[in-house]
Amino acid sequence: MELILTYFAEIWDFLIFVGQVSAVIVVLAGAILWFTEVNIGRGRGLVFGGILLAVVVEYFVIFPPAFVTG
């Protein structure tokens, strides 16, 4: 059982990493669209969506599920 929990914890860490990288990429892409005035509405939405994604990921970093904390 402990082996399975270890695998879950490793998968959880990877998902947190993917979420953090995704948030940065989404904010960067949105900022490019917004500030180059290619598509202001979509760029603004991507920036705010990326910020929201970063906040949600940080919430799960601060308060991880029980299988991560042991």
PDB file of N, CA and C in Angstrom:
ATOM      1  N   MET A   1       0.822  -1.200   0.000  1.00  0.00           N
ATOM      2  CA  MET A   1       0.000   0.000   0.000  1.00  0.00           C
ATOM      3  C   MET A   1       0.865   1.263   0.000  1.00  0.00           C
ATOM      4  N   GLU A   2       1.967   1.199   0.740  1.00  0.00           N
ATOM      5  CA  GLU A   2       2.844   2.364   0.808  1.00  0.00           C
ATOM      6  C   GLU A   2       3.482   2.664  -0.545  1.00  0.00           C
ATOM      7  N   LEU A   3       3.745   1.621  -1.316  1.00  0.00           N
ATOM      8  CA  LEU A   3       4.313   1.807  -2.646  1.00  0.00           C
ATOM      9  C   LEU A   3       3.346   2.575  -3.544  1.00  0.00           C
ATOM     10  N   ILE A   4       2.073   2.250  -3.460  1.00  0.00           N
ATOM     11  CA  ILE A   4       1.057   2.942  -4.255  1.00  0.00           C
ATOM     12  C   ILE A   4       0.970   4.407  -3.847  1.00  0.00           C
ATOM     13  N   LEU A   5       1.016   4.674  -2.545  1.00  0.00           N
ATOM     14  CA  LEU A   5       0.970   6.061  -2.076  1.00  0.00           C
ATOM     15  C   LEU A   5       2.198   6.843  -2.530  1.00  0.00           C
ATOM     16  N   THR A   6       3.336   6.177  -2.592  1.00  0.00           N
ATOM     17  CA  THR A   6       4.550   6.833  -3.091  1.00  0.00           C
ATOM     18  C   THR A   6       4.388   7.210  -4.557  1.00  0.00           C
ATOM     19  N   TYR A   7       3.816   6.306  -5.340  1.00  0.00           N
ATOM     20  CA  TYR A   7       3.576   6.614  -6.751  1.00  0.00           C
ATOM     21  C   TYR A   7       2.579   7.764  -6.905  1.00  0.00           C
ATOM     22  N   PHE A   8       1.523   7.759  -6.095  1.00  0.00           N
ATOM     23  CA  PHE A   8       0.555   8.860  -6.136  1.00  0.00           C
ATOM     24  C   PHE A   8       1.224  10.189  -5.806  1.00  0.00           C
ATOM     25  N   ALA A   9       2.114  10.189  -4.829  1.00  0.00           N
ATOM     26  CA  ALA A   9       2.811  11.422  -4.451  1.00  0.00           C
ATOM     27  C   ALA A   9       3.708  11.909  -5.583  1.00  0.00           C
ATOM     28  N   GLU A  10       4.385  10.990  -6.272  1.00  0.00           N
ATOM     29  CA  GLU A  10       5.229  11.377  -7.403  1.00  0.00           C
ATOM     30  C   GLU A  10       4.382  11.935  -8.546  1.00  0.00           C
ATOM     31  N   ILE A  11       3.267  11.296  -8.821  1.00  0.00           N
ATOM     32  CA  ILE A  11       2.364  11.787  -9.869  1.00  0.00           C
ATOM     33  C   ILE A  11       1.827  13.158  -9.492  1.00  0.00           C
ATOM     34  N   TRP A  12       1.479  13.343  -8.215  1.00  0.00           N
ATOM     35  CA  TRP A  12       0.974  14.633  -7.740  1.00  0.00           C
ATOM     36  C   TRP A  12       2.016  15.726  -7.946  1.00  0.00           C
ATOM     37  N   ASP A  13       3.282  15.446  -7.614  1.00  0.00           N
ATOM     38  CA  ASP A  13       4.347  16.431  -7.809  1.00  0.00           C
ATOM     39  C   ASP A  13       4.498  16.791  -9.283  1.00  0.00           C
ATOM     40  N   PHE A  14       4.401  15.794 -10.155  1.00  0.00           N
ATOM     41  CA  PHE A  14       4.494  16.063 -11.586  1.00  0.00           C
ATOM     42  C   PHE A  14       3.327  16.927 -12.061  1.00  0.00           C
ATOM     43  N   LEU A  15       2.118  16.641 -11.580  1.00  0.00           N
ATOM     44  CA  LEU A  15       0.954  17.437 -11.978  1.00  0.00           C
ATOM     45  C   LEU A  15       1.064  18.878 -11.488  1.00  0.00           C
ATOM     46  N   ILE A  16       1.616  19.074 -10.301  1.00  0.00           N
ATOM     47  CA  ILE A  16       1.839  20.428  -9.794  1.00  0.00           C
ATOM     48  C   ILE A  16       2.830  21.157 -10.697  1.00  0.00           C
ATOM     49  N   PHE A  17       3.897  20.475 -11.097  1.00  0.00           N
ATOM     50  CA  PHE A  17       4.878  21.075 -12.002  1.00  0.00           C
ATOM     51  C   PHE A  17       4.239  21.461 -13.330  1.00  0.00           C
ATOM     52  N   VAL A  18       3.452  20.566 -13.900  1.00  0.00           N
ATOM     53  CA  VAL A  18       2.776  20.847 -15.172  1.00  0.00           C
ATOM     54  C   VAL A  18       1.828  22.035 -15.024  1.00  0.00           C
ATOM     55  N   GLY A  19       1.105  22.106 -13.919  1.00  0.00           N
ATOM     56  CA  GLY A  19       0.199  23.224 -13.681  1.00  0.00           C
ATOM     57  C   GLY A  19       0.923  24.548 -13.580  1.00  0.00           C
ATOM     58  N   GLN A  20       2.065  24.567 -12.905  1.00  0.00           N
ATOM     59  CA  GLN A  20       2.828  25.803 -12.768  1.00  0.00           C
ATOM     60  C   GLN A  20       3.390  26.259 -14.110  1.00  0.00           C
ATOM     61  N   VAL A  21       3.928  25.325 -14.879  1.00  0.00           N
ATOM     62  CA  VAL A  21       4.471  25.672 -16.193  1.00  0.00           C
ATOM     63  C   VAL A  21       3.352  26.134 -17.121  1.00  0.00           C
ATOM     64  N   SER A  22       2.214  25.467 -17.073  1.00  0.00           N
ATOM     65  CA  SER A  22       1.078  25.855 -17.912  1.00  0.00           C
ATOM     66  C   SER A  22       0.597  27.257 -17.578  1.00  0.00           C
ATOM     67  N   ALA A  23       0.556  27.592 -16.303  1.00  0.00           N
ATOM     68  CA  ALA A  23       0.117  28.928 -15.902  1.00  0.00           C
ATOM     69  C   ALA A  23       1.045  29.993 -16.467  1.00  0.00           C
ATOM     70  N   VAL A  24       2.339  29.756 -16.412  1.00  0.00           N
ATOM     71  CA  VAL A  24       3.302  30.728 -16.945  1.00  0.00           C
ATOM     72  C   VAL A  24       3.146  30.874 -18.451  1.00  0.00           C
ATOM     73  N   ILE A  25       2.996  29.762 -19.151  1.00  0.00           N
ATOM     74  CA  ILE A  25       2.867  29.810 -20.612  1.00  0.00           C
ATOM     75  C   ILE A  25       1.579  30.513 -21.020  1.00  0.00           C
ATOM     76  N   VAL A  26       0.482  30.235 -20.327  1.00  0.00           N
ATOM     77  CA  VAL A  26      -0.801  30.863 -20.661  1.00  0.00           C
ATOM     78  C   VAL A  26      -0.742  32.367 -20.416  1.00  0.00           C
ATOM     79  N   VAL A  27      -0.160  32.781 -19.289  1.00  0.00           N
ATOM     80  CA  VAL A  27      -0.044  34.215 -19.009  1.00  0.00           C
ATOM     81  C   VAL A  27       0.846  34.883 -20.046  1.00  0.00           C
ATOM     82  N   LEU A  28       1.946  34.253 -20.405  1.00  0.00           N
ATOM     83  CA  LEU A  28       2.856  34.825 -21.398  1.00  0.00           C
ATOM     84  C   LEU A  28       2.187  34.953 -22.763  1.00  0.00           C
ATOM     85  N   ALA A  29       1.489  33.916 -23.194  1.00  0.00           N
ATOM     86  CA  ALA A  29       0.789  33.972 -24.482  1.00  0.00           C
ATOM     87  C   ALA A  29      -0.307  35.030 -24.459  1.00  0.00           C
ATOM     88  N   GLY A  30      -1.029  35.119 -23.361  1.00  0.00           N
ATOM     89  CA  GLY A  30      -2.068  36.133 -23.241  1.00  0.00           C
ATOM     90  C   GLY A  30      -1.506  37.536 -23.251  1.00  0.00           C
ATOM     91  N   ALA A  31      -0.373  37.729 -22.575  1.00  0.00           N
ATOM     92  CA  ALA A  31       0.248  39.054 -22.555  1.00  0.00           C
ATOM     93  C   ALA A  31       0.717  39.460 -23.942  1.00  0.00           C
ATOM     94  N   ILE A  32       1.241  38.516 -24.691  1.00  0.00           N
ATOM     95  CA  ILE A  32       1.672  38.821 -26.061  1.00  0.00           C
ATOM     96  C   ILE A  32       0.479  39.233 -26.909  1.00  0.00           C
ATOM     97  N   LEU A  33      -0.612  38.475 -26.825  1.00  0.00           N
ATOM     98  CA  LEU A  33      -1.808  38.828 -27.597  1.00  0.00           C
ATOM     99  C   LEU A  33      -2.385  40.167 -27.159  1.00  0.00           C
ATOM    100  N   TRP A  34      -2.394  40.405 -25.861  1.00  0.00           N
ATOM    101  CA  TRP A  34      -2.999  41.615 -25.313  1.00  0.00           C
ATOM    102  C   TRP A  34      -2.180  42.852 -25.674  1.00  0.00           C
ATOM    103  N   PHE A  35      -0.873  42.813 -25.445  1.00  0.00           N
ATOM    104  CA  PHE A  35      -0.054  44.012 -25.609  1.00  0.00           C
ATOM    105  C   PHE A  35       0.347  44.284 -27.050  1.00  0.00           C
ATOM    106  N   THR A  36       0.286  43.277 -27.916  1.00  0.00           N
ATOM    107  CA  THR A  36       0.527  43.538 -29.331  1.00  0.00           C
ATOM    108  C   THR A  36      -0.759  43.927 -30.051  1.00  0.00           C
ATOM    109  N   GLU A  37      -1.861  43.905 -29.327  1.00  0.00           N
ATOM    110  CA  GLU A  37      -3.184  44.270 -29.828  1.00  0.00           C
ATOM    111  C   GLU A  37      -3.636  43.398 -30.995  1.00  0.00           C
ATOM    112  N   VAL A  38      -3.167  42.159 -31.032  1.00  0.00           N
ATOM    113  CA  VAL A  38      -3.623  41.208 -32.041  1.00  0.00           C
ATOM    114  C   VAL A  38      -5.050  40.789 -31.726  1.00  0.00           C
ATOM    115  N   ASN A  39      -5.280  40.405 -30.474  1.00  0.00           N
ATOM    116  CA  ASN A  39      -6.609  40.015 -30.017  1.00  0.00           C
ATOM    117  C   ASN A  39      -6.689  40.373 -28.533  1.00  0.00           C
ATOM    118  N   ILE A  40      -7.121  41.592 -28.267  1.00  0.00           N
ATOM    119  CA  ILE A  40      -7.083  42.131 -26.908  1.00  0.00           C
ATOM    120  C   ILE A  40      -7.980  41.331 -25.964  1.00  0.00           C
ATOM    121  N   GLY A  41      -9.179  41.012 -26.393  1.00  0.00           N
ATOM    122  CA  GLY A  41     -10.114  40.291 -25.526  1.00  0.00           C
ATOM    123  C   GLY A  41      -9.621  38.908 -25.152  1.00  0.00           C
ATOM    124  N   ARG A  42      -9.147  38.165 -26.129  1.00  0.00           N
ATOM    125  CA  ARG A  42      -8.640  36.818 -25.847  1.00  0.00           C
ATOM    126  C   ARG A  42      -7.363  36.885 -25.005  1.00  0.00           C
ATOM    127  N   GLY A  43      -6.507  37.860 -25.291  1.00  0.00           N
ATOM    128  CA  GLY A  43      -5.280  38.011 -24.509  1.00  0.00           C
ATOM    129  C   GLY A  43      -5.567  38.304 -23.053  1.00  0.00           C
ATOM    130  N   ARG A  44      -6.502  39.211 -22.815  1.00  0.00           N
ATOM    131  CA  ARG A  44      -6.884  39.547 -21.440  1.00  0.00           C
ATOM    132  C   ARG A  44      -7.465  38.320 -20.739  1.00  0.00           C
ATOM    133  N   GLY A  45      -8.296  37.574 -21.451  1.00  0.00           N
ATOM    134  CA  GLY A  45      -8.868  36.358 -20.876  1.00  0.00           C
ATOM    135  C   GLY A  45      -7.806  35.318 -20.545  1.00  0.00           C
ATOM    136  N   LEU A  46      -6.814  35.173 -21.418  1.00  0.00           N
ATOM    137  CA  LEU A  46      -5.740  34.220 -21.143  1.00  0.00           C
ATOM    138  C   LEU A  46      -4.898  34.652 -19.944  1.00  0.00           C
ATOM    139  N   VAL A  47      -4.631  35.944 -19.836  1.00  0.00           N
ATOM    140  CA  VAL A  47      -3.847  36.428 -18.695  1.00  0.00           C
ATOM    141  C   VAL A  47      -4.582  36.148 -17.394  1.00  0.00           C
ATOM    142  N   PHE A  48      -5.851  36.510 -17.334  1.00  0.00           N
ATOM    143  CA  PHE A  48      -6.610  36.290 -16.103  1.00  0.00           C
ATOM    144  C   PHE A  48      -6.834  34.805 -15.836  1.00  0.00           C
ATOM    145  N   GLY A  49      -7.024  34.023 -16.889  1.00  0.00           N
ATOM    146  CA  GLY A  49      -7.158  32.575 -16.718  1.00  0.00           C
ATOM    147  C   GLY A  49      -5.870  31.937 -16.216  1.00  0.00           C
ATOM    148  N   GLY A  50      -4.737  32.399 -16.724  1.00  0.00           N
ATOM    149  CA  GLY A  50      -3.452  31.891 -16.250  1.00  0.00           C
ATOM    150  C   GLY A  50      -3.190  32.252 -14.800  1.00  0.00           C
ATOM    151  N   ILE A  51      -3.585  33.468 -14.417  1.00  0.00           N
ATOM    152  CA  ILE A  51      -3.435  33.875 -13.017  1.00  0.00           C
ATOM    153  C   ILE A  51      -4.324  33.009 -12.127  1.00  0.00           C
ATOM    154  N   LEU A  52      -5.541  32.758 -12.567  1.00  0.00           N
ATOM    155  CA  LEU A  52      -6.445  31.896 -11.798  1.00  0.00           C
ATOM    156  C   LEU A  52      -5.877  30.480 -11.676  1.00  0.00           C
ATOM    157  N   LEU A  53      -5.319  29.962 -12.758  1.00  0.00           N
ATOM    158  CA  LEU A  53      -4.698  28.638 -12.725  1.00  0.00           C
ATOM    159  C   LEU A  53      -3.532  28.612 -11.739  1.00  0.00           C
ATOM    160  N   ALA A  54      -2.719  29.661 -11.732  1.00  0.00           N
ATOM    161  CA  ALA A  54      -1.592  29.721 -10.798  1.00  0.00           C
ATOM    162  C   ALA A  54      -2.071  29.752  -9.353  1.00  0.00           C
ATOM    163  N   VAL A  55      -3.157  30.476  -9.089  1.00  0.00           N
ATOM    164  CA  VAL A  55      -3.700  30.541  -7.729  1.00  0.00           C
ATOM    165  C   VAL A  55      -4.221  29.171  -7.296  1.00  0.00           C
ATOM    166  N   VAL A  56      -4.923  28.482  -8.186  1.00  0.00           N
ATOM    167  CA  VAL A  56      -5.455  27.154  -7.851  1.00  0.00           C
ATOM    168  C   VAL A  56      -4.316  26.165  -7.602  1.00  0.00           C
ATOM    169  N   VAL A  57      -3.286  26.212  -8.435  1.00  0.00           N
ATOM    170  CA  VAL A  57      -2.147  25.311  -8.246  1.00  0.00           C
ATOM    171  C   VAL A  57      -1.460  25.603  -6.914  1.00  0.00           C
ATOM    172  N   GLU A  58      -1.277  26.874  -6.590  1.00  0.00           N
ATOM    173  CA  GLU A  58      -0.650  27.217  -5.315  1.00  0.00           C
ATOM    174  C   GLU A  58      -1.505  26.784  -4.130  1.00  0.00           C
ATOM    175  N   TYR A  59      -2.815  26.824  -4.274  1.00  0.00           N
ATOM    176  CA  TYR A  59      -3.696  26.321  -3.217  1.00  0.00           C
ATOM    177  C   TYR A  59      -3.408  24.848  -2.944  1.00  0.00           C
ATOM    178  N   PHE A  60      -3.252  24.073  -4.022  1.00  0.00           N
ATOM    179  CA  PHE A  60      -2.982  22.651  -3.846  1.00  0.00           C
ATOM    180  C   PHE A  60      -1.550  22.385  -3.395  1.00  0.00           C
ATOM    181  N   VAL A  61      -0.646  23.337  -3.595  1.00  0.00           N
ATOM    182  CA  VAL A  61       0.696  23.204  -3.033  1.00  0.00           C
ATOM    183  C   VAL A  61       0.647  23.431  -1.526  1.00  0.00           C
ATOM    184  N   ILE A  62      -0.123  24.432  -1.099  1.00  0.00           N
ATOM    185  CA  ILE A  62      -0.214  24.757   0.324  1.00  0.00           C
ATOM    186  C   ILE A  62      -1.040  23.712   1.076  1.00  0.00           C
ATOM    187  N   PHE A  63      -2.130  23.259   0.477  1.00  0.00           N
ATOM    188  CA  PHE A  63      -3.020  22.274   1.110  1.00  0.00           C
ATOM    189  C   PHE A  63      -3.103  21.012   0.247  1.00  0.00           C
ATOM    190  N   PRO A  64      -2.063  20.171   0.276  1.00  0.00           N
ATOM    191  CA  PRO A  64      -2.091  18.962  -0.560  1.00  0.00           C
ATOM    192  C   PRO A  64      -3.056  17.920   0.002  1.00  0.00           C
ATOM    193  N   PRO A  65      -3.464  16.954  -0.825  1.00  0.00           N
ATOM    194  CA  PRO A  65      -4.342  15.890  -0.340  1.00  0.00           C
ATOM    195  C   PRO A  65      -3.615  15.000   0.677  1.00  0.00           C
ATOM    196  N   ALA A  66      -4.376  14.167   1.345  1.00  0.00           N
ATOM    197  CA  ALA A  66      -3.840  13.342   2.434  1.00  0.00           C
ATOM    198  C   ALA A  66      -2.778  12.356   1.953  1.00  0.00           C
ATOM    199  N   PHE A  67      -2.900  11.832   0.733  1.00  0.00           N
ATOM    200  CA  PHE A  67      -1.927  10.837   0.289  1.00  0.00           C
ATOM    201  C   PHE A  67      -0.557  11.439   0.025  1.00  0.00           C
ATOM    202  N   VAL A  68      -0.490  12.762  -0.160  1.00  0.00           N
ATOM    203  CA  VAL A  68       0.804  13.404  -0.385  1.00  0.00           C
ATOM    204  C   VAL A  68       1.505  13.661   0.944  1.00  0.00           C
ATOM    205  N   THR A  69       0.736  14.069   1.942  1.00  0.00           N
ATOM    206  CA  THR A  69       1.332  14.398   3.238  1.00  0.00           C
ATOM    207  C   THR A  69       1.638  13.162   4.073  1.00  0.00           C
ATOM    208  N   GLY A  70       1.056  12.051   3.712  1.00  0.00           N
ATOM    209  CA  GLY A  70       1.350  10.812   4.431  1.00  0.00           C
ATOM    210  C   GLY A  70       0.288  10.509   5.373  1.00  0.00           C
TER     211      GLY A  70
END
